Amino acid sequence: MARVVESVASDYGEALHWEKIITKNMEGALRFTELSKYLGRPAPVPSIFIEGELVFDTTPDQEELRACVDRYLIQDA
C-alpha cells in the first residue's frame, strides 16, 4: 500500500504530507494506538487514514486514491 501512496503523493508536492507508520518502533506503536482508540477498534493493517479518518482498509489503485485525496484537498480549500 505504501508504494501506491508514494506514487500518488509525489503528484501533490507540498499540498500533501504523509507518513508511513511502523508499529515496530515506539513512535509508530503509539500512533497506531491513537488511531485505534479513535476508531474504537484496532486499526486495520494496512490502511490509509486522511485527517484521522479511515478511508481505505485495502489497497486502492492510483486513480481511486487520487480521487479521494482531491476530495479532501477541495474540502480544505
Protein backbone atom coordinates (compact mmCIF):
# COMPACT_ATOMS: atom_id res chain seq x y z
CA MET A 1 0.00 0.00 0.00
CA ALA A 2 2.86 2.37 0.76
CA ARG A 3 4.02 2.17 -2.86
CA VAL A 4 0.66 3.41 -4.11
CA VAL A 5 0.71 6.28 -1.61
CA GLU A 6 4.29 7.19 -2.54
CA SER A 7 3.49 7.23 -6.25
CA VAL A 8 0.40 9.41 -5.80
CA ALA A 9 1.84 11.73 -3.13
CA SER A 10 4.58 12.92 -5.44
CA ASP A 11 1.90 14.45 -7.70
CA TYR A 12 0.78 16.84 -4.93
CA GLY A 13 4.10 18.29 -3.80
CA GLU A 14 3.82 20.44 -0.67
CA ALA A 15 0.00 20.21 -0.63
CA LEU A 16 0.16 16.69 0.80
CA HIS A 17 2.00 15.41 3.86
CA TRP A 18 2.01 11.69 4.52
CA GLU A 19 3.76 9.34 6.86
CA LYS A 20 4.27 5.62 6.98
CA ILE A 21 3.63 4.25 10.46
CA ILE A 22 5.95 1.45 11.50
CA THR A 23 4.41 -0.29 14.50
CA LYS A 24 7.69 -2.00 15.41
CA ASN A 25 9.07 1.26 16.82
CA MET A 26 7.67 3.15 19.81
CA GLU A 27 6.53 6.24 17.90
CA GLY A 28 4.66 4.12 15.36
CA ALA A 29 3.12 1.92 18.04
CA LEU A 30 1.85 4.98 19.88
CA ARG A 31 0.37 6.44 16.69
CA PHE A 32 -1.29 3.09 15.90
CA THR A 33 -2.80 3.05 19.40
CA GLU A 34 -4.06 6.61 18.96
CA LEU A 35 -5.71 5.77 15.63
CA SER A 36 -7.21 2.59 17.07
CA LYS A 37 -8.71 4.48 20.02
CA TYR A 38 -10.23 6.99 17.63
CA LEU A 39 -11.78 4.15 15.61
CA GLY A 40 -12.96 2.31 18.70
CA ARG A 41 -11.27 -0.87 17.48
CA PRO A 42 -7.83 -1.94 16.30
CA ALA A 43 -6.91 -0.06 13.16
CA PRO A 44 -6.65 -2.35 10.13
CA VAL A 45 -3.21 -3.07 8.76
CA PRO A 46 -2.55 -1.91 6.14
CA SER A 47 -4.78 1.12 5.97
CA ILE A 48 -4.88 4.73 4.85
CA PHE A 49 -6.10 7.49 7.12
CA ILE A 50 -6.70 11.04 5.94
CA GLU A 51 -7.03 13.71 8.61
CA GLY A 52 -7.53 10.95 11.19
CA GLU A 53 -10.34 9.27 9.25
CA LEU A 54 -10.00 5.70 7.96
CA VAL A 55 -10.54 5.92 4.20
CA PHE A 56 -9.01 2.68 2.93
CA ASP A 57 -8.50 -0.67 4.62
CA THR A 58 -7.48 -2.33 1.36
CA THR A 59 -5.02 -1.10 -1.22
CA PRO A 60 -6.70 1.31 -3.65
CA ASP A 61 -5.50 1.78 -7.20
CA GLN A 62 -3.77 5.07 -8.01
CA GLU A 63 -6.82 6.65 -9.63
CA GLU A 64 -9.04 5.84 -6.66
CA LEU A 65 -6.50 7.28 -4.22
CA ARG A 66 -6.04 10.43 -6.31
CA ALA A 67 -9.80 10.99 -6.43
CA CYS A 68 -10.01 10.61 -2.65
CA VAL A 69 -7.10 12.98 -2.00
CA ASP A 70 -8.59 15.51 -4.40
CA ARG A 71 -11.89 15.45 -2.48
CA TYR A 72 -10.08 16.14 0.79
CA LEU A 73 -7.98 18.92 -0.70
CA ILE A 74 -11.06 20.59 -2.20
CA GLN A 75 -12.84 20.42 1.19
CA ASP A 76 -9.90 22.14 2.87
CA ALA A 77 -9.62 24.89 0.24
